Structures are given as structure tokens and as C-alpha cells.
PDB file of all heavy atoms in Angstrom:
ATOM      1  N   CYS A   1      -5.457   2.281   9.827  1.00  0.00           N
ATOM      2  CA  CYS A   1      -6.789   1.940   9.326  1.00  0.00           C
ATOM      3  C   CYS A   1      -7.823   2.062  10.437  1.00  0.00           C
ATOM      4  O   CYS A   1      -7.597   1.583  11.562  1.00  0.00           O
ATOM      5  CB  CYS A   1      -6.824   0.510   8.793  1.00  0.00           C
ATOM      6  SG  CYS A   1      -5.698   0.174   7.431  1.00  0.00           S
ATOM      7  N   ALA A   2      -8.962   2.674  10.116  1.00  0.00           N
ATOM      8  CA  ALA A   2     -10.099   2.725  11.030  1.00  0.00           C
ATOM      9  C   ALA A   2     -11.318   2.192  10.294  1.00  0.00           C
ATOM     10  O   ALA A   2     -11.497   2.453   9.094  1.00  0.00           O
ATOM     11  CB  ALA A   2     -10.348   4.148  11.523  1.00  0.00           C
ATOM     12  N   ALA A   3     -12.168   1.453  11.011  1.00  0.00           N
ATOM     13  CA  ALA A   3     -13.310   0.792  10.376  1.00  0.00           C
ATOM     14  C   ALA A   3     -14.551   0.915  11.245  1.00  0.00           C
ATOM     15  O   ALA A   3     -14.467   1.150  12.460  1.00  0.00           O
ATOM     16  CB  ALA A   3     -13.000  -0.680  10.122  1.00  0.00           C
ATOM     17  N   VAL A   4     -15.718   0.733  10.612  1.00  0.00           N
ATOM     18  CA  VAL A   4     -16.987   0.593  11.320  1.00  0.00           C
ATOM     19  C   VAL A   4     -17.696  -0.653  10.805  1.00  0.00           C
ATOM     20  O   VAL A   4     -17.339  -1.208   9.760  1.00  0.00           O
ATOM     21  CB  VAL A   4     -17.904   1.822  11.130  1.00  0.00           C
ATOM     22  CG1 VAL A   4     -17.326   3.041  11.818  1.00  0.00           C
ATOM     23  CG2 VAL A   4     -18.164   2.097   9.652  1.00  0.00           C
ATOM     24  N   LEU A   5     -18.711  -1.076  11.545  1.00  0.00           N
ATOM     25  CA  LEU A   5     -19.538  -2.206  11.121  1.00  0.00           C
ATOM     26  C   LEU A   5     -20.634  -1.722  10.188  1.00  0.00           C
ATOM     27  O   LEU A   5     -21.310  -0.729  10.454  1.00  0.00           O
ATOM     28  CB  LEU A   5     -20.185  -2.887  12.335  1.00  0.00           C
ATOM     29  CG  LEU A   5     -19.263  -3.546  13.351  1.00  0.00           C
ATOM     30  CD1 LEU A   5     -20.081  -4.078  14.521  1.00  0.00           C
ATOM     31  CD2 LEU A   5     -18.438  -4.661  12.723  1.00  0.00           C
ATOM     32  N   GLY A   6     -20.838  -2.450   9.084  1.00  0.00           N
ATOM     33  CA  GLY A   6     -21.998  -2.254   8.233  1.00  0.00           C
ATOM     34  C   GLY A   6     -23.060  -3.272   8.566  1.00  0.00           C
ATOM     35  O   GLY A   6     -22.854  -4.182   9.373  1.00  0.00           O
ATOM     36  N   ASN A   7     -24.215  -3.172   7.927  1.00  0.00           N
ATOM     37  CA  ASN A   7     -25.304  -4.087   8.254  1.00  0.00           C
ATOM     38  C   ASN A   7     -24.945  -5.539   7.987  1.00  0.00           C
ATOM     39  O   ASN A   7     -25.318  -6.439   8.750  1.00  0.00           O
ATOM     40  CB  ASN A   7     -26.580  -3.697   7.489  1.00  0.00           C
ATOM     41  CG  ASN A   7     -26.394  -3.686   5.990  1.00  0.00           C
ATOM     42  OD1 ASN A   7     -25.579  -2.914   5.472  1.00  0.00           O
ATOM     43  ND2 ASN A   7     -27.148  -4.504   5.276  1.00  0.00           N
ATOM     44  N   ASN A   8     -24.176  -5.806   6.917  1.00  0.00           N
ATOM     45  CA  ASN A   8     -23.827  -7.189   6.608  1.00  0.00           C
ATOM     46  C   ASN A   8     -22.679  -7.729   7.449  1.00  0.00           C
ATOM     47  O   ASN A   8     -22.403  -8.929   7.424  1.00  0.00           O
ATOM     48  CB  ASN A   8     -23.494  -7.327   5.120  1.00  0.00           C
ATOM     49  CG  ASN A   8     -24.730  -7.343   4.252  1.00  0.00           C
ATOM     50  OD1 ASN A   8     -25.464  -8.317   4.220  1.00  0.00           O
ATOM     51  ND2 ASN A   8     -24.986  -6.234   3.563  1.00  0.00           N
ATOM     52  N   ASP A   9     -22.009  -6.842   8.192  1.00  0.00           N
ATOM     53  CA  ASP A   9     -20.987  -7.303   9.140  1.00  0.00           C
ATOM     54  C   ASP A   9     -21.617  -7.849  10.413  1.00  0.00           C
ATOM     55  O   ASP A   9     -20.920  -8.446  11.238  1.00  0.00           O
ATOM     56  CB  ASP A   9     -20.062  -6.138   9.537  1.00  0.00           C
ATOM     57  CG  ASP A   9     -19.226  -5.630   8.388  1.00  0.00           C
ATOM     58  OD1 ASP A   9     -18.775  -6.457   7.572  1.00  0.00           O
ATOM     59  OD2 ASP A   9     -19.004  -4.404   8.309  1.00  0.00           O
ATOM     60  N   CYS A  10     -22.914  -7.635  10.599  1.00  0.00           N
ATOM     61  CA  CYS A  10     -23.570  -7.914  11.871  1.00  0.00           C
ATOM     62  C   CYS A  10     -24.222  -9.288  11.877  1.00  0.00           C
ATOM     63  O   CYS A  10     -25.081  -9.592  11.045  1.00  0.00           O
ATOM     64  CB  CYS A  10     -24.613  -6.841  12.171  1.00  0.00           C
ATOM     65  SG  CYS A  10     -23.898  -5.193  12.364  1.00  0.00           S
ATOM     66  N   GLY A  11     -23.808 -10.096  12.805  1.00  0.00           N
ATOM     67  CA  GLY A  11     -24.379 -11.427  12.988  1.00  0.00           C
ATOM     68  C   GLY A  11     -23.785 -12.032  14.239  1.00  0.00           C
ATOM     69  O   GLY A  11     -22.651 -11.714  14.624  1.00  0.00           O
ATOM     70  N   ALA A  12     -24.523 -12.917  14.905  1.00  0.00           N
ATOM     71  CA  ALA A  12     -24.097 -13.463  16.193  1.00  0.00           C
ATOM     72  C   ALA A  12     -22.738 -14.152  16.108  1.00  0.00           C
ATOM     73  O   ALA A  12     -21.964 -14.135  17.064  1.00  0.00           O
ATOM     74  CB  ALA A  12     -25.156 -14.438  16.715  1.00  0.00           C
ATOM     75  N   ARG A  13     -22.444 -14.756  14.963  1.00  0.00           N
ATOM     76  CA  ARG A  13     -21.153 -15.441  14.808  1.00  0.00           C
ATOM     77  C   ARG A  13     -20.116 -14.581  14.111  1.00  0.00           C
ATOM     78  O   ARG A  13     -18.958 -14.527  14.512  1.00  0.00           O
ATOM     79  CB  ARG A  13     -21.357 -16.754  14.035  1.00  0.00           C
ATOM     80  CG  ARG A  13     -22.173 -17.789  14.783  1.00  0.00           C
ATOM     81  CD  ARG A  13     -22.249 -19.095  14.003  1.00  0.00           C
ATOM     82  NE  ARG A  13     -23.007 -20.106  14.716  1.00  0.00           N
ATOM     83  CZ  ARG A  13     -23.233 -21.341  14.258  1.00  0.00           C
ATOM     84  NH1 ARG A  13     -22.762 -21.697  13.062  1.00  0.00           N
ATOM     85  NH2 ARG A  13     -23.927 -22.196  14.978  1.00  0.00           N
ATOM     86  N   ARG A  14     -20.521 -13.896  13.039  1.00  0.00           N
ATOM     87  CA  ARG A  14     -19.493 -13.238  12.247  1.00  0.00           C
ATOM     88  C   ARG A  14     -18.988 -11.932  12.850  1.00  0.00           C
ATOM     89  O   ARG A  14     -17.842 -11.556  12.614  1.00  0.00           O
ATOM     90  CB  ARG A  14     -19.943 -13.033  10.808  1.00  0.00           C
ATOM     91  CG  ARG A  14     -21.204 -12.242  10.553  1.00  0.00           C
ATOM     92  CD  ARG A  14     -21.475 -12.219   9.049  1.00  0.00           C
ATOM     93  NE  ARG A  14     -22.708 -11.501   8.696  1.00  0.00           N
ATOM     94  CZ  ARG A  14     -23.882 -12.080   8.563  1.00  0.00           C
ATOM     95  NH1 ARG A  14     -23.998 -13.386   8.763  1.00  0.00           N
ATOM     96  NH2 ARG A  14     -24.946 -11.365   8.217  1.00  0.00           N
ATOM     97  N   THR A  15     -19.812 -11.230  13.636  1.00  0.00           N
ATOM     98  CA  THR A  15     -19.321  -9.981  14.220  1.00  0.00           C
ATOM     99  C   THR A  15     -18.181 -10.213  15.206  1.00  0.00           C
ATOM    100  O   THR A  15     -17.147  -9.531  15.121  1.00  0.00           O
ATOM    101  CB  THR A  15     -20.463  -9.193  14.885  1.00  0.00           C
ATOM    102  OG1 THR A  15     -21.472  -8.932  13.899  1.00  0.00           O
ATOM    103  CG2 THR A  15     -19.961  -7.873  15.439  1.00  0.00           C
ATOM    104  N   PRO A  16     -18.284 -11.160  16.165  1.00  0.00           N
ATOM    105  CA  PRO A  16     -17.128 -11.406  17.036  1.00  0.00           C
ATOM    106  C   PRO A  16     -15.878 -11.831  16.257  1.00  0.00           C
ATOM    107  O   PRO A  16     -14.754 -11.431  16.605  1.00  0.00           O
ATOM    108  CB  PRO A  16     -17.612 -12.533  17.961  1.00  0.00           C
ATOM    109  CG  PRO A  16     -19.102 -12.391  17.975  1.00  0.00           C
ATOM    110  CD  PRO A  16     -19.464 -11.943  16.586  1.00  0.00           C
ATOM    111  N   ALA A  17     -16.061 -12.619  15.199  1.00  0.00           N
ATOM    112  CA  ALA A  17     -14.914 -13.037  14.393  1.00  0.00           C
ATOM    113  C   ALA A  17     -14.287 -11.841  13.677  1.00  0.00           C
ATOM    114  O   ALA A  17     -13.055 -11.747  13.561  1.00  0.00           O
ATOM    115  CB  ALA A  17     -15.342 -14.097  13.379  1.00  0.00           C
ATOM    116  N   LEU A  18     -15.125 -10.905  13.207  1.00  0.00           N
ATOM    117  CA  LEU A  18     -14.601  -9.724  12.531  1.00  0.00           C
ATOM    118  C   LEU A  18     -13.865  -8.825  13.516  1.00  0.00           C
ATOM    119  O   LEU A  18     -12.786  -8.293  13.208  1.00  0.00           O
ATOM    120  CB  LEU A  18     -15.741  -8.958  11.856  1.00  0.00           C
ATOM    121  CG  LEU A  18     -15.351  -7.740  11.011  1.00  0.00           C
ATOM    122  CD1 LEU A  18     -14.423  -8.141   9.867  1.00  0.00           C
ATOM    123  CD2 LEU A  18     -16.586  -7.036  10.464  1.00  0.00           C
ATOM    124  N   ARG A  19     -14.425  -8.639  14.700  1.00  0.00           N
ATOM    125  CA  ARG A  19     -13.725  -7.862  15.729  1.00  0.00           C
ATOM    126  C   ARG A  19     -12.342  -8.438  16.008  1.00  0.00           C
ATOM    127  O   ARG A  19     -11.349  -7.710  16.096  1.00  0.00           O
ATOM    128  CB  ARG A  19     -14.549  -7.849  17.021  1.00  0.00           C
ATOM    129  CG  ARG A  19     -15.796  -6.988  16.988  1.00  0.00           C
ATOM    130  CD  ARG A  19     -16.548  -7.112  18.299  1.00  0.00           C
ATOM    131  NE  ARG A  19     -17.750  -6.279  18.321  1.00  0.00           N
ATOM    132  CZ  ARG A  19     -18.924  -6.672  18.810  1.00  0.00           C
ATOM    133  NH1 ARG A  19     -19.062  -7.892  19.304  1.00  0.00           N
ATOM    134  NH2 ARG A  19     -19.956  -5.845  18.797  1.00  0.00           N
ATOM    135  N   ALA A  20     -12.290  -9.753  16.161  1.00  0.00           N
ATOM    136  CA  ALA A  20     -11.019 -10.402  16.469  1.00  0.00           C
ATOM    137  C   ALA A  20     -10.027 -10.254  15.323  1.00  0.00           C
ATOM    138  O   ALA A  20      -8.829 -10.009  15.542  1.00  0.00           O
ATOM    139  CB  ALA A  20     -11.255 -11.878  16.783  1.00  0.00           C
ATOM    140  N   MET A  21     -10.505 -10.393  14.086  1.00  0.00           N
ATOM    141  CA  MET A  21      -9.612 -10.272  12.936  1.00  0.00           C
ATOM    142  C   MET A  21      -9.066  -8.860  12.804  1.00  0.00           C
ATOM    143  O   MET A  21      -7.881  -8.645  12.550  1.00  0.00           O
ATOM    144  CB  MET A  21     -10.348 -10.697  11.666  1.00  0.00           C
ATOM    145  CG  MET A  21      -9.462 -10.830  10.423  1.00  0.00           C
ATOM    146  SD  MET A  21      -9.252  -9.267   9.525  1.00  0.00           S
ATOM    147  CE  MET A  21     -10.918  -9.014   8.894  1.00  0.00           C
ATOM    148  N   TYR A  22      -9.924  -7.863  12.987  1.00  0.00           N
ATOM    149  CA  TYR A  22      -9.456  -6.475  12.940  1.00  0.00           C
ATOM    150  C   TYR A  22      -8.409  -6.228  14.025  1.00  0.00           C
ATOM    151  O   TYR A  22      -7.371  -5.602  13.782  1.00  0.00           O
ATOM    152  CB  TYR A  22     -10.629  -5.509  13.122  1.00  0.00           C
ATOM    153  CG  TYR A  22     -11.434  -5.223  11.874  1.00  0.00           C
ATOM    154  CD1 TYR A  22     -12.776  -4.846  11.968  1.00  0.00           C
ATOM    155  CD2 TYR A  22     -10.870  -5.277  10.607  1.00  0.00           C
ATOM    156  CE1 TYR A  22     -13.529  -4.551  10.838  1.00  0.00           C
ATOM    157  CE2 TYR A  22     -11.620  -4.992   9.473  1.00  0.00           C
ATOM    158  CZ  TYR A  22     -12.948  -4.625   9.600  1.00  0.00           C
ATOM    159  OH  TYR A  22     -13.681  -4.327   8.471  1.00  0.00           O
ATOM    160  N   ALA A  23      -8.674  -6.694  15.243  1.00  0.00           N
ATOM    161  CA  ALA A  23      -7.728  -6.484  16.339  1.00  0.00           C
ATOM    162  C   ALA A  23      -6.388  -7.143  16.039  1.00  0.00           C
ATOM    163  O   ALA A  23      -5.320  -6.570  16.300  1.00  0.00           O
ATOM    164  CB  ALA A  23      -8.311  -7.031  17.642  1.00  0.00           C
ATOM    165  N   GLU A  24      -6.429  -8.336  15.463  1.00  0.00           N
ATOM    166  CA  GLU A  24      -5.203  -9.064  15.130  1.00  0.00           C
ATOM    167  C   GLU A  24      -4.372  -8.330  14.091  1.00  0.00           C
ATOM    168  O   GLU A  24      -3.137  -8.367  14.119  1.00  0.00           O
ATOM    169  CB  GLU A  24      -5.572 -10.459  14.617  1.00  0.00           C
ATOM    170  CG  GLU A  24      -4.387 -11.286  14.120  1.00  0.00           C
ATOM    171  CD  GLU A  24      -4.819 -12.530  13.371  1.00  0.00           C
ATOM    172  OE1 GLU A  24      -6.003 -12.923  13.475  1.00  0.00           O
ATOM    173  OE2 GLU A  24      -3.965 -13.119  12.669  1.00  0.00           O
ATOM    174  N   THR A  25      -5.032  -7.657  13.156  1.00  0.00           N
ATOM    175  CA  THR A  25      -4.318  -7.060  12.023  1.00  0.00           C
ATOM    176  C   THR A  25      -4.065  -5.563  12.192  1.00  0.00           C
ATOM    177  O   THR A  25      -3.545  -4.921  11.275  1.00  0.00           O
ATOM    178  CB  THR A  25      -5.095  -7.303  10.719  1.00  0.00           C
ATOM    179  OG1 THR A  25      -6.422  -6.763  10.836  1.00  0.00           O
ATOM    180  CG2 THR A  25      -5.193  -8.796  10.416  1.00  0.00           C
ATOM    181  N   GLY A  26      -4.435  -4.996  13.337  1.00  0.00           N
ATOM    182  CA  GLY A  26      -4.137  -3.596  13.599  1.00  0.00           C
ATOM    183  C   GLY A  26      -5.142  -2.611  13.071  1.00  0.00           C
ATOM    184  O   GLY A  26      -4.881  -1.398  13.065  1.00  0.00           O
ATOM    185  N   VAL A  27      -6.308  -3.072  12.633  1.00  0.00           N
ATOM    186  CA  VAL A  27      -7.373  -2.178  12.178  1.00  0.00           C
ATOM    187  C   VAL A  27      -8.169  -1.716  13.395  1.00  0.00           C
ATOM    188  O   VAL A  27      -8.609  -2.544  14.207  1.00  0.00           O
ATOM    189  CB  VAL A  27      -8.301  -2.877  11.170  1.00  0.00           C
ATOM    190  CG1 VAL A  27      -9.464  -1.975  10.788  1.00  0.00           C
ATOM    191  CG2 VAL A  27      -7.524  -3.287   9.931  1.00  0.00           C
ATOM    192  N   ILE A  28      -8.358  -0.413  13.546  1.00  0.00           N
ATOM    193  CA  ILE A  28      -9.114   0.141  14.673  1.00  0.00           C
ATOM    194  C   ILE A  28     -10.600   0.076  14.328  1.00  0.00           C
ATOM    195  O   ILE A  28     -11.069   0.760  13.420  1.00  0.00           O
ATOM    196  CB  ILE A  28      -8.707   1.592  14.947  1.00  0.00           C
ATOM    197  CG1 ILE A  28      -7.218   1.685  15.275  1.00  0.00           C
ATOM    198  CG2 ILE A  28      -9.547   2.191  16.070  1.00  0.00           C
ATOM    199  CD1 ILE A  28      -6.681   3.109  15.287  1.00  0.00           C
ATOM    200  N   LEU A  29     -11.346  -0.750  15.052  1.00  0.00           N
ATOM    201  CA  LEU A  29     -12.791  -0.844  14.851  1.00  0.00           C
ATOM    202  C   LEU A  29     -13.473   0.116  15.817  1.00  0.00           C
ATOM    203  O   LEU A  29     -13.344  -0.015  17.042  1.00  0.00           O
ATOM    204  CB  LEU A  29     -13.286  -2.270  15.084  1.00  0.00           C
ATOM    205  CG  LEU A  29     -14.793  -2.489  14.948  1.00  0.00           C
ATOM    206  CD1 LEU A  29     -15.282  -2.124  13.548  1.00  0.00           C
ATOM    207  CD2 LEU A  29     -15.160  -3.936  15.285  1.00  0.00           C
ATOM    208  N   LEU A  30     -14.203   1.079  15.272  1.00  0.00           N
ATOM    209  CA  LEU A  30     -14.883   2.090  16.069  1.00  0.00           C
ATOM    210  C   LEU A  30     -16.356   1.733  16.179  1.00  0.00           C
ATOM    211  O   LEU A  30     -17.073   1.712  15.178  1.00  0.00           O
ATOM    212  CB  LEU A  30     -14.718   3.465  15.418  1.00  0.00           C
ATOM    213  CG  LEU A  30     -13.267   3.949  15.267  1.00  0.00           C
ATOM    214  CD1 LEU A  30     -13.207   5.246  14.475  1.00  0.00           C
ATOM    215  CD2 LEU A  30     -12.612   4.123  16.629  1.00  0.00           C
ATOM    216  N   GLU A  31     -16.801   1.441  17.395  1.00  0.00           N
ATOM    217  CA  GLU A  31     -18.189   1.066  17.633  1.00  0.00           C
ATOM    218  C   GLU A  31     -18.820   2.125  18.538  1.00  0.00           C
ATOM    219  O   GLU A  31     -18.782   2.024  19.759  1.00  0.00           O
ATOM    220  CB  GLU A  31     -18.267  -0.323  18.254  1.00  0.00           C
ATOM    221  CG  GLU A  31     -17.709  -1.407  17.335  1.00  0.00           C
ATOM    222  CD  GLU A  31     -17.934  -2.796  17.878  1.00  0.00           C
ATOM    223  OE1 GLU A  31     -19.093  -3.257  17.859  1.00  0.00           O
ATOM    224  OE2 GLU A  31     -16.949  -3.416  18.334  1.00  0.00           O
ATOM    225  N   ASN A  32     -19.387   3.151  17.911  1.00  0.00           N
ATOM    226  CA  ASN A  32     -19.958   4.284  18.631  1.00  0.00           C
ATOM    227  C   ASN A  32     -18.918   4.907  19.557  1.00  0.00           C
ATOM    228  O   ASN A  32     -19.160   5.105  20.754  1.00  0.00           O
ATOM    229  CB  ASN A  32     -21.203   3.880  19.417  1.00  0.00           C
ATOM    230  CG  ASN A  32     -22.319   3.447  18.506  1.00  0.00           C
ATOM    231  OD1 ASN A  32     -22.311   3.742  17.322  1.00  0.00           O
ATOM    232  ND2 ASN A  32     -23.281   2.728  19.051  1.00  0.00           N
ATOM    233  N   GLU A  33     -17.781   5.175  19.010  1.00  0.00           N
ATOM    234  CA  GLU A  33     -16.717   5.765  19.811  1.00  0.00           C
ATOM    235  C   GLU A  33     -15.865   6.692  18.959  1.00  0.00           C
ATOM    236  O   GLU A  33     -15.927   6.672  17.730  1.00  0.00           O
ATOM    237  CB  GLU A  33     -15.841   4.688  20.448  1.00  0.00           C
ATOM    238  CG  GLU A  33     -15.172   3.763  19.452  1.00  0.00           C
ATOM    239  CD  GLU A  33     -14.481   2.590  20.133  1.00  0.00           C
ATOM    240  OE1 GLU A  33     -13.609   2.837  20.993  1.00  0.00           O
ATOM    241  OE2 GLU A  33     -14.806   1.429  19.808  1.00  0.00           O
ATOM    242  N   THR A  34     -15.095   7.501  19.649  1.00  0.00           N
ATOM    243  CA  THR A  34     -14.244   8.488  19.003  1.00  0.00           C
ATOM    244  C   THR A  34     -12.791   8.217  19.379  1.00  0.00           C
ATOM    245  O   THR A  34     -12.485   7.965  20.547  1.00  0.00           O
ATOM    246  CB  THR A  34     -14.632   9.908  19.445  1.00  0.00           C
ATOM    247  OG1 THR A  34     -15.974  10.176  19.044  1.00  0.00           O
ATOM    248  CG2 THR A  34     -13.717  10.951  18.822  1.00  0.00           C
ATOM    249  N   ARG A  35     -11.923   8.252  18.388  1.00  0.00           N
ATOM    250  CA  ARG A  35     -10.487   8.131  18.629  1.00  0.00           C
ATOM    251  C   ARG A  35      -9.779   9.330  18.016  1.00  0.00           C
ATOM    252  O   ARG A  35     -10.176   9.828  16.965  1.00  0.00           O
ATOM    253  CB  ARG A  35      -9.931   6.855  17.986  1.00  0.00           C
ATOM    254  CG  ARG A  35     -10.452   5.559  18.574  1.00  0.00           C
ATOM    255  CD  ARG A  35      -9.800   5.214  19.892  1.00  0.00           C
ATOM    256  NE  ARG A  35     -10.265   3.914  20.351  1.00  0.00           N
ATOM    257  CZ  ARG A  35      -9.644   2.767  20.089  1.00  0.00           C
ATOM    258  NH1 ARG A  35      -8.546   2.771  19.365  1.00  0.00           N
ATOM    259  NH2 ARG A  35     -10.146   1.629  20.531  1.00  0.00           N
ATOM    260  N   MET A  36      -8.713   9.737  18.663  1.00  0.00           N
ATOM    261  CA  MET A  36      -7.863  10.772  18.112  1.00  0.00           C
ATOM    262  C   MET A  36      -6.704  10.084  17.398  1.00  0.00           C
ATOM    263  O   MET A  36      -5.943   9.332  18.009  1.00  0.00           O
ATOM    264  CB  MET A  36      -7.339  11.694  19.212  1.00  0.00           C
ATOM    265  CG  MET A  36      -6.888  13.043  18.708  1.00  0.00           C
ATOM    266  SD  MET A  36      -8.293  14.089  18.263  1.00  0.00           S
ATOM    267  CE  MET A  36      -8.889  14.565  19.884  1.00  0.00           C
ATOM    268  N   LEU A  37      -6.588  10.310  16.095  1.00  0.00           N
ATOM    269  CA  LEU A  37      -5.500   9.739  15.320  1.00  0.00           C
ATOM    270  C   LEU A  37      -4.483  10.827  14.992  1.00  0.00           C
ATOM    271  O   LEU A  37      -4.845  11.991  14.810  1.00  0.00           O
ATOM    272  CB  LEU A  37      -6.026   9.135  14.013  1.00  0.00           C
ATOM    273  CG  LEU A  37      -7.077   8.033  14.124  1.00  0.00           C
ATOM    274  CD1 LEU A  37      -7.405   7.489  12.735  1.00  0.00           C
ATOM    275  CD2 LEU A  37      -6.625   6.914  15.042  1.00  0.00           C
ATOM    276  N   SER A  38      -3.228  10.422  14.937  1.00  0.00           N
ATOM    277  CA  SER A  38      -2.179  11.353  14.538  1.00  0.00           C
ATOM    278  C   SER A  38      -1.908  11.149  13.051  1.00  0.00           C
ATOM    279  O   SER A  38      -1.419  10.096  12.639  1.00  0.00           O
ATOM    280  CB  SER A  38      -0.903  11.115  15.343  1.00  0.00           C
ATOM    281  OG  SER A  38       0.125  12.000  14.930  1.00  0.00           O
ATOM    282  N   ILE A  39      -2.248  12.143  12.249  1.00  0.00           N
ATOM    283  CA  ILE A  39      -2.054  12.105  10.805  1.00  0.00           C
ATOM    284  C   ILE A  39      -1.078  13.224  10.440  1.00  0.00           C
ATOM    285  O   ILE A  39      -1.346  14.397  10.712  1.00  0.00           O
ATOM    286  CB  ILE A  39      -3.388  12.295  10.046  1.00  0.00           C
ATOM    287  CG1 ILE A  39      -4.431  11.275  10.524  1.00  0.00           C
ATOM    288  CG2 ILE A  39      -3.156  12.202   8.538  1.00  0.00           C
ATOM    289  CD1 ILE A  39      -4.095   9.837  10.258  1.00  0.00           C
ATOM    290  N   ARG A  40       0.043  12.845   9.889  1.00  0.00           N
ATOM    291  CA  ARG A  40       1.090  13.820   9.573  1.00  0.00           C
ATOM    292  C   ARG A  40       1.457  14.649  10.803  1.00  0.00           C
ATOM    293  O   ARG A  40       1.623  15.862  10.737  1.00  0.00           O
ATOM    294  CB  ARG A  40       0.671  14.730   8.414  1.00  0.00           C
ATOM    295  CG  ARG A  40       0.502  14.019   7.088  1.00  0.00           C
ATOM    296  CD  ARG A  40       0.280  15.016   5.969  1.00  0.00           C
ATOM    297  NE  ARG A  40       0.323  14.365   4.667  1.00  0.00           N
ATOM    298  CZ  ARG A  40       0.301  15.017   3.508  1.00  0.00           C
ATOM    299  NH1 ARG A  40       0.239  16.340   3.503  1.00  0.00           N
ATOM    300  NH2 ARG A  40       0.349  14.384   2.366  1.00  0.00           N
ATOM    301  N   GLN A  41       1.508  13.960  11.940  1.00  0.00           N
ATOM    302  CA  GLN A  41       1.861  14.589  13.218  1.00  0.00           C
ATOM    303  C   GLN A  41       0.877  15.694  13.615  1.00  0.00           C
ATOM    304  O   GLN A  41       1.244  16.647  14.314  1.00  0.00           O
ATOM    305  CB  GLN A  41       3.288  15.140  13.181  1.00  0.00           C
ATOM    306  CG  GLN A  41       4.334  14.054  12.949  1.00  0.00           C
ATOM    307  CD  GLN A  41       5.745  14.607  12.932  1.00  0.00           C
ATOM    308  OE1 GLN A  41       6.027  15.619  12.301  1.00  0.00           O
ATOM    309  NE2 GLN A  41       6.638  13.938  13.649  1.00  0.00           N
ATOM    310  N   SER A  42      -0.357  15.550  13.181  1.00  0.00           N
ATOM    311  CA  SER A  42      -1.410  16.493  13.532  1.00  0.00           C
ATOM    312  C   SER A  42      -2.654  15.698  13.922  1.00  0.00           C
ATOM    313  O   SER A  42      -2.948  14.660  13.323  1.00  0.00           O
ATOM    314  CB  SER A  42      -1.706  17.405  12.333  1.00  0.00           C
ATOM    315  OG  SER A  42      -2.539  18.471  12.707  1.00  0.00           O
TER     316      SER A  42
END
């Protein structure tokens, strides 16, 4: 899973909590960044 922040995800309290929850559950949060994912070994 890869995710980005939407406007309603943004807030002084809820954004850090969302980052932490994504990290805990294995969701890759992309914040102005690029990742190379392996999909079907490609």
C-alpha cells in the first residue's frame, strides 16, 4: 500500500498520528517523494 495526504488529513494533531498509524501498519506514506516498488517482480 502507498498513500498520500489529502487536505482533510492535515492538522497539527492528526497528521502526526496518521503518519504513525501508517508506519505501524506497513502503509508507505509518500510526502513529496518517489519510491520504487516491485510489482510482479518488475
